[in-house]
């Protein structure tokens, strides 16, 4: 895989050569920044582009490079630093980049900002904070927002690329990563391994009944081990489980790639709307997703071997919004302190699903 780093220079000074020049072979460029889930969803396009006769170049930030660097369907990565191009000038940047390619697919803010609405926000541009307008329709009624946003993320991504509906979002570990994950799985002596993804990118992506569910399963089933994963902040959610031999805490200890590589070694993967759960969506193991701002239509309509948990009796679900301001824009549950949507997924439902799918 060829890697081209976008030079750090003024936008007006870019030439086609800075992007590798006009490609001599038929090449498609897919632009995808964003979070892990966005990157995983977009991976569904690359095999189809290859089947259609294209070389595949993906314009990414450093996080995307780290996730895509072993994808066998990608020929080139065009890498820019995070926030290297000001948000207000990205359209100009893409216009400068697109002549290098035969097909150009721009997916940034295709889901976030369009199907997941964003409030008015500020961004740093040349040392100054500027206001970026909120997503169109953000302040509409719940019914209006639902009508606007209730489209499947995979379908929408394929539609933007003009590609048929052959869905296979996937993370591709290296051979070494696969071996390491398999070796670690062999060290776990229980028949069943459940990966619990503890949190996502905001307050609504934390399940407040996770401890209760794990305690229930461990008290009734002996042949189960939970592996909890997340970033370093998720270590707070692991407090109290340190001495339990059948709960292995890996938040902040495994890299994103190590976590993703272990997904297909697990019998069950459960968690909120996160990149890790997206990476499990088309595998042979069982996936359970705890919805918050997305509907089943949005998120898991095409997933296999999966259970989708939607909140019960939650007036604001699905809100179709990104809650970058935390509980300023997200309704909080009084009893648990978590998001109302997450708290209204009853723990007994989750327990029953796990019990149905363990061996």
Protein backbone atom coordinates (compact mmCIF):
# COMPACT_ATOMS: atom_id res chain seq x y z
CA UNK A 1 0.00 0.00 0.00
CA UNK A 2 1.36 3.39 -1.02
CA UNK A 3 1.15 6.23 1.52
CA UNK A 4 1.28 9.90 0.47
CA UNK A 5 1.43 12.56 3.17
CA UNK A 6 -0.30 15.82 2.25
CA UNK A 7 2.34 18.56 2.61
CA UNK A 8 1.80 21.23 5.23
CA UNK A 9 1.36 24.31 3.08
CA UNK A 10 -1.11 27.03 2.25
CA UNK A 11 -4.18 25.79 0.39
CA UNK A 12 -3.63 28.16 -2.52
CA UNK A 13 -0.13 26.74 -3.00
CA UNK A 14 -1.19 23.13 -3.59
CA UNK A 15 -0.49 21.53 -6.95
CA UNK A 16 -1.71 18.18 -8.27
CA UNK A 17 1.76 16.78 -7.62
CA UNK A 18 1.27 17.40 -3.90
CA UNK A 19 -1.48 14.75 -4.07
CA UNK A 20 0.49 12.32 -6.22
CA UNK A 21 -0.58 13.83 -9.54
CA UNK A 22 -3.20 12.66 -12.01
CA UNK A 23 -3.32 8.86 -11.72
CA UNK A 24 -2.32 6.92 -14.83
CA UNK A 25 -4.65 4.05 -13.94
CA UNK A 26 -8.40 4.21 -13.36
CA UNK A 27 -8.58 5.32 -9.72
CA UNK A 28 -11.32 6.22 -7.26
CA UNK A 29 -10.65 8.46 -4.28
CA UNK A 30 -12.84 8.15 -1.19
CA UNK A 31 -12.53 10.97 1.35
CA UNK A 32 -13.32 9.82 4.86
CA UNK A 33 -12.28 11.50 8.09
CA UNK A 34 -14.38 11.04 11.24
CA UNK A 35 -14.67 8.58 14.11
CA UNK A 36 -13.91 4.85 14.11
CA UNK A 37 -17.48 3.88 13.23
CA UNK A 38 -17.50 6.21 10.22
CA UNK A 39 -14.24 4.70 9.01
CA UNK A 40 -15.52 1.13 9.44
CA UNK A 41 -18.80 1.85 7.60
CA UNK A 42 -16.92 3.35 4.65
CA UNK A 43 -14.77 0.23 4.30
CA UNK A 44 -17.84 -1.47 2.79
CA UNK A 45 -17.22 0.45 -0.46
CA UNK A 46 -13.67 -0.62 -1.22
CA UNK A 47 -14.22 -4.23 -2.38
CA UNK A 48 -16.98 -3.05 -4.75
CA UNK A 49 -14.79 -0.30 -6.20
CA UNK A 50 -12.07 -2.90 -6.81
CA UNK A 51 -14.60 -5.21 -8.49
CA UNK A 52 -15.61 -2.25 -10.68
CA UNK A 53 -12.05 -1.94 -11.98
CA UNK A 54 -10.79 0.96 -9.86
CA UNK A 55 -7.59 1.39 -7.97
CA UNK A 56 -8.65 2.69 -4.56
CA UNK A 57 -7.17 5.73 -2.84
CA UNK A 58 -8.56 6.89 0.51
CA UNK A 59 -7.99 10.40 1.83
CA UNK A 60 -7.80 10.11 5.61
CA UNK A 61 -6.43 11.64 8.78
CA UNK A 62 -3.86 9.81 10.91
CA UNK A 63 -6.59 7.83 12.71
CA UNK A 64 -7.97 6.60 9.40
CA UNK A 65 -4.48 5.61 8.28
CA UNK A 66 -4.03 3.53 11.42
CA UNK A 67 -7.32 1.69 10.83
CA UNK A 68 -7.02 1.24 7.06
CA UNK A 69 -3.32 0.41 6.73
CA UNK A 70 -3.95 -3.34 6.36
CA UNK A 71 -7.12 -3.25 4.25
CA UNK A 72 -6.33 -5.40 1.17
CA UNK A 73 -8.74 -3.44 -1.03
CA UNK A 74 -6.89 -0.11 -0.66
CA UNK A 75 -4.01 0.76 -2.98
CA UNK A 76 -3.15 4.23 -1.63
CA UNK A 77 -3.66 6.29 1.48
CA UNK A 78 -3.52 10.06 1.12
CA UNK A 79 -2.93 11.24 4.68
CA UNK A 80 -3.43 14.68 6.15
CA UNK A 81 -2.95 15.80 9.72
CA UNK A 82 -6.04 16.26 11.85
CA UNK A 83 -7.35 19.82 11.30
CA UNK A 84 -4.55 20.46 8.79
CA UNK A 85 -7.14 21.99 6.46
CA UNK A 86 -9.53 24.45 8.18
CA UNK A 87 -13.11 23.19 8.20
CA UNK A 88 -14.24 26.32 6.39
CA UNK A 89 -11.91 25.55 3.47
CA UNK A 90 -12.35 21.81 3.06
CA UNK A 91 -14.57 22.25 0.00
CA UNK A 92 -11.77 24.18 -1.73
CA UNK A 93 -9.30 21.46 -0.74
CA UNK A 94 -11.47 18.70 -2.20
CA UNK A 95 -11.93 20.70 -5.41
CA UNK A 96 -8.14 20.94 -5.71
CA UNK A 97 -7.75 17.22 -5.02
CA UNK A 98 -10.48 15.72 -7.20
CA UNK A 99 -8.85 16.23 -10.67
CA UNK A 100 -6.26 13.58 -9.73
CA UNK A 101 -8.91 10.84 -9.90
CA UNK A 102 -11.47 9.29 -12.23
CA UNK A 103 -14.05 8.97 -9.46
CA UNK A 104 -14.23 11.15 -6.36
CA UNK A 105 -16.43 10.25 -3.38
CA UNK A 106 -16.61 12.76 -0.53
CA UNK A 107 -18.05 11.14 2.61
CA UNK A 108 -17.08 13.64 5.31
CA UNK A 109 -20.14 14.72 7.28
CA UNK A 110 -22.21 12.40 5.09
CA UNK A 111 -23.65 10.71 8.17
CA UNK A 112 -22.56 13.10 10.90
CA UNK A 113 -24.11 16.45 10.06
CA UNK A 114 -26.70 14.96 7.68
CA UNK A 115 -28.25 11.88 9.32
CA UNK A 116 -26.79 12.61 12.76
CA UNK A 117 -27.39 16.29 13.27
CA UNK A 118 -24.86 18.55 14.98
CA UNK A 119 -25.54 21.65 17.10
CA UNK A 120 -23.89 24.95 16.35
CA UNK A 121 -20.25 24.52 17.27
CA UNK A 122 -16.95 26.37 17.25
CA UNK A 123 -13.74 25.37 15.52
CA UNK A 124 -10.21 26.69 15.73
CA UNK A 125 -9.16 28.45 12.53
CA UNK A 126 -5.87 30.35 12.37
CA UNK A 127 -5.79 30.70 16.14
CA UNK A 128 -9.33 32.05 16.37
CA UNK A 129 -12.56 30.32 17.30
CA UNK A 130 -15.27 30.63 14.69
CA UNK A 131 -18.88 29.51 14.78
CA UNK A 132 -19.88 26.67 12.46
CA UNK A 133 -23.60 26.64 11.70
CA UNK A 134 -25.71 23.85 13.18
CA UNK A 135 -26.94 21.08 10.90
CA UNK A 136 -29.96 21.85 8.75
CA UNK A 137 -33.10 20.85 10.62
CA UNK A 138 -31.38 20.47 14.00
CA UNK A 139 -34.05 22.59 15.71
CA UNK A 140 -37.01 20.90 14.03
CA UNK A 141 -39.68 18.82 15.75
CA UNK A 142 -38.94 15.21 16.65
CA UNK A 143 -41.20 14.05 13.81
CA UNK A 144 -39.53 16.35 11.28
CA UNK A 145 -36.05 15.26 12.32
CA UNK A 146 -37.01 11.58 12.17
CA UNK A 147 -38.42 11.98 8.65
CA UNK A 148 -35.23 13.75 7.59
CA UNK A 149 -32.74 11.37 9.20
CA UNK A 150 -34.23 7.88 9.33
CA UNK A 151 -32.06 6.48 6.52
CA UNK A 152 -29.70 3.53 6.83
CA UNK A 153 -26.06 4.59 7.20
CA UNK A 154 -24.69 1.85 4.96
CA UNK A 155 -27.28 2.47 2.26
CA UNK A 156 -26.61 6.20 2.32
CA UNK A 157 -22.86 5.67 2.07
CA UNK A 158 -23.27 3.36 -0.93
CA UNK A 159 -25.73 5.77 -2.54
CA UNK A 160 -23.27 8.66 -2.28
CA UNK A 161 -20.63 6.51 -3.93
CA UNK A 162 -23.00 5.23 -6.61
CA UNK A 163 -22.24 1.66 -5.57
CA UNK A 164 -24.65 -1.32 -5.32
CA UNK A 165 -25.94 -2.61 -2.00
CA UNK A 166 -23.32 -5.27 -1.21
CA UNK A 167 -22.56 -4.47 2.40
CA UNK A 168 -19.44 -5.68 4.18
CA UNK A 169 -18.03 -3.10 6.63
CA UNK A 170 -14.94 -4.70 8.09
CA UNK A 171 -11.65 -4.21 9.89
CA UNK A 172 -8.71 -6.19 8.50
CA UNK A 173 -6.10 -7.18 11.08
CA UNK A 174 -2.65 -8.24 9.92
CA UNK A 175 -1.57 -11.88 10.14
CA UNK A 176 0.52 -11.00 13.18
CA UNK A 177 -2.44 -9.30 14.86
CA UNK A 178 -4.67 -12.30 14.13
CA UNK A 179 -2.13 -14.67 15.69
CA UNK A 180 -1.74 -12.47 18.75
CA UNK A 181 -5.52 -12.26 19.23
CA UNK A 182 -5.91 -16.03 18.82
CA UNK A 183 -3.08 -16.67 21.28
CA UNK A 184 -4.74 -14.41 23.84
CA UNK A 185 -8.08 -16.15 23.35
CA UNK A 186 -6.43 -19.50 24.13
CA UNK A 187 -5.30 -18.12 27.48
CA UNK A 188 -8.95 -17.60 28.46
CA UNK A 189 -10.16 -20.98 29.65
CA UNK A 190 -13.92 -20.40 29.62
CA UNK A 191 -15.97 -21.64 26.68
CA UNK A 192 -17.58 -18.23 26.14
CA UNK A 193 -15.94 -14.81 25.79
CA UNK A 194 -18.09 -11.68 25.76
CA UNK A 195 -16.53 -8.38 24.73
CA UNK A 196 -18.28 -5.44 26.37
CA UNK A 197 -17.58 -2.08 24.74
CA UNK A 198 -18.07 0.27 27.66
CA UNK A 199 -18.58 3.64 26.01
CA UNK A 200 -18.65 5.63 22.82
CA UNK A 201 -17.98 9.22 21.91
CA UNK A 202 -20.47 10.99 24.19
CA UNK A 203 -22.61 10.70 27.32
CA UNK A 204 -25.46 8.86 25.60
CA UNK A 205 -23.15 6.00 24.60
CA UNK A 206 -22.68 4.56 28.09
CA UNK A 207 -24.97 1.79 29.35
CA UNK A 208 -25.64 2.44 33.05
CA UNK A 209 -26.76 -1.15 33.74
CA UNK A 210 -23.58 -2.83 32.44
CA UNK A 211 -22.39 -3.85 35.93
CA UNK A 212 -25.77 -5.32 36.79
CA UNK A 213 -25.89 -7.37 33.60
CA UNK A 214 -22.38 -8.76 34.02
CA UNK A 215 -23.00 -9.59 37.68
CA UNK A 216 -26.19 -11.44 36.77
CA UNK A 217 -24.50 -13.51 34.05
CA UNK A 218 -21.46 -14.34 36.18
CA UNK A 219 -23.65 -15.46 39.08
CA UNK A 220 -25.61 -17.90 36.95
CA UNK A 221 -23.15 -19.10 34.30
CA UNK A 222 -19.68 -20.43 35.10
CA UNK A 223 -18.30 -20.76 31.60
CA UNK A 224 -18.24 -17.05 30.64
CA UNK A 225 -15.50 -14.42 30.70
CA UNK A 226 -16.14 -10.73 30.01
CA UNK A 227 -13.47 -8.61 28.35
CA UNK A 228 -14.21 -4.91 28.87
CA UNK A 229 -12.76 -2.46 26.35
CA UNK A 230 -12.69 1.27 25.74
CA UNK A 231 -10.36 4.22 25.95
CA UNK A 232 -8.46 5.27 29.08
CA UNK A 233 -11.46 7.18 30.44
CA UNK A 234 -13.41 3.90 30.50
CA UNK A 235 -11.16 2.64 33.29
CA UNK A 236 -13.52 4.51 35.62
CA UNK A 237 -16.29 2.17 34.47
CA UNK A 238 -14.15 -0.87 35.31
CA UNK A 239 -13.73 0.05 38.98
CA UNK A 240 -14.97 -2.76 41.22
CA UNK A 241 -14.15 -5.59 38.81
CA UNK A 242 -10.39 -5.70 39.40
CA UNK A 243 -10.50 -8.86 41.55
CA UNK A 244 -13.02 -10.77 39.47
CA UNK A 245 -11.07 -13.40 37.51
CA UNK A 246 -13.74 -13.69 34.84
CA UNK A 247 -13.72 -9.98 34.01
CA UNK A 248 -10.63 -8.88 32.08
CA UNK A 249 -10.27 -5.09 31.99
CA UNK A 250 -8.57 -3.82 28.84
CA UNK A 251 -9.74 -0.20 28.62
CA UNK A 252 -6.78 2.03 27.90
CA UNK A 253 -4.51 -1.02 27.79
CA UNK A 254 -5.23 -2.26 24.29
CA UNK A 255 -4.81 -0.05 21.24
CA UNK A 256 -7.79 0.39 18.93
CA UNK A 257 -6.24 -2.11 16.53
CA UNK A 258 -5.68 -4.67 19.30
CA UNK A 259 -9.30 -4.31 20.36
CA UNK A 260 -10.61 -4.62 16.81
CA UNK A 261 -8.37 -7.62 16.15
CA UNK A 262 -9.88 -9.44 19.13
CA UNK A 263 -13.48 -8.89 18.01
CA UNK A 264 -13.78 -12.07 15.95
CA UNK A 265 -12.23 -14.12 18.77
CA UNK A 266 -15.29 -13.36 20.90
CA UNK A 267 -18.56 -15.24 20.98
CA UNK A 268 -20.56 -12.08 21.73
CA UNK A 269 -19.75 -8.39 21.22
CA UNK A 270 -22.03 -5.96 23.03
CA UNK A 271 -22.01 -2.21 23.44
CA UNK A 272 -23.43 1.14 22.35
CA UNK A 273 -23.14 2.66 18.88
CA UNK A 274 -19.37 2.50 18.48
CA UNK A 275 -16.77 1.64 15.87
CA UNK A 276 -15.95 -1.63 17.63
CA UNK A 277 -19.57 -2.77 17.52
CA UNK A 278 -19.77 -1.74 13.84
CA UNK A 279 -16.71 -3.90 13.16
CA UNK A 280 -18.56 -6.93 14.54
CA UNK A 281 -21.71 -6.37 12.47
CA UNK A 282 -20.95 -8.77 9.62
CA UNK A 283 -19.00 -11.45 11.49
CA UNK A 284 -20.15 -14.92 12.52
CA UNK A 285 -20.22 -14.09 16.23
CA UNK A 286 -23.25 -12.50 17.90
CA UNK A 287 -23.47 -8.71 18.09
CA UNK A 288 -25.76 -6.80 20.45
CA UNK A 289 -26.04 -3.05 20.00
CA UNK A 290 -27.54 -0.69 22.58
CA UNK A 291 -29.04 2.16 20.57
CA UNK A 292 -29.04 5.76 21.71
CA UNK A 293 -29.37 8.45 19.05
CA UNK A 294 -29.86 6.16 16.03
CA UNK A 295 -32.80 4.00 15.01
CA UNK A 296 -32.56 0.36 13.97
CA UNK A 297 -33.22 1.55 10.41
CA UNK A 298 -30.16 3.81 10.68
CA UNK A 299 -27.78 1.44 12.37
CA UNK A 300 -28.36 -2.28 12.18
CA UNK A 301 -30.90 -2.95 9.43
CA UNK A 302 -28.39 -5.00 7.41
CA UNK A 303 -26.37 -6.55 10.24
CA UNK A 304 -26.22 -10.31 10.59
CA UNK A 305 -26.30 -12.44 13.77
CA UNK A 306 -27.35 -9.41 15.78
CA UNK A 307 -29.80 -8.10 18.34
CA UNK A 308 -30.78 -4.44 18.37
CA UNK A 309 -31.88 -2.93 21.67
CA UNK A 310 -34.03 0.16 21.39
CA UNK A 311 -35.02 2.13 24.51
CA UNK A 312 -38.52 1.65 25.86
CA UNK A 313 -40.73 4.57 26.88
CA UNK A 314 -38.15 7.19 25.97
CA UNK A 315 -39.78 10.33 24.61
CA UNK A 316 -36.64 11.61 22.88
CA UNK A 317 -35.54 8.40 21.12
CA UNK A 318 -34.31 8.39 18.42
CA UNK A 319 -33.07 11.96 18.53
CA UNK A 320 -30.71 11.60 15.51
CA UNK A 321 -28.32 14.08 17.14
CA UNK A 322 -24.66 14.19 18.11
CA UNK A 323 -24.37 15.37 21.71
CA UNK A 324 -21.03 17.15 21.66
CA UNK A 325 -22.24 19.32 24.56
CA UNK A 326 -22.98 16.35 26.81
CA UNK A 327 -26.09 16.65 28.96
CA UNK A 328 -26.65 20.21 27.79
CA UNK A 329 -28.41 18.69 24.78
CA UNK A 330 -29.10 15.11 26.00
CA UNK A 331 -31.86 14.17 28.46
CA UNK A 332 -30.45 12.71 31.68
CA UNK A 333 -31.99 9.85 33.63
CA UNK A 334 -32.54 10.87 37.27
CA UNK A 335 -32.11 7.37 38.73
CA UNK A 336 -28.85 6.31 37.03
CA UNK A 337 -27.30 9.63 36.06
CA UNK A 338 -26.84 8.30 32.54
CA UNK A 339 -28.64 9.24 29.35
CA UNK A 340 -32.39 8.57 29.43
CA UNK A 341 -32.25 6.49 26.26
CA UNK A 342 -29.49 4.22 27.60
CA UNK A 343 -31.17 3.82 30.99
CA UNK A 344 -34.44 2.78 29.34
CA UNK A 345 -32.96 -0.40 27.89
CA UNK A 346 -33.98 -2.79 30.65
CA UNK A 347 -31.10 -4.94 31.93
CA UNK A 348 -33.22 -8.11 31.98
CA UNK A 349 -33.59 -7.83 28.18
CA UNK A 350 -29.82 -7.73 27.77
CA UNK A 351 -29.28 -10.61 30.19
CA UNK A 352 -31.79 -12.77 28.31
CA UNK A 353 -30.08 -12.06 24.98
CA UNK A 354 -26.63 -12.98 26.30
CA UNK A 355 -27.97 -16.18 27.86
CA UNK A 356 -29.57 -17.18 24.56
CA UNK A 357 -26.27 -16.87 22.71
CA UNK A 358 -23.71 -18.37 25.07
CA UNK A 359 -22.76 -22.02 24.70
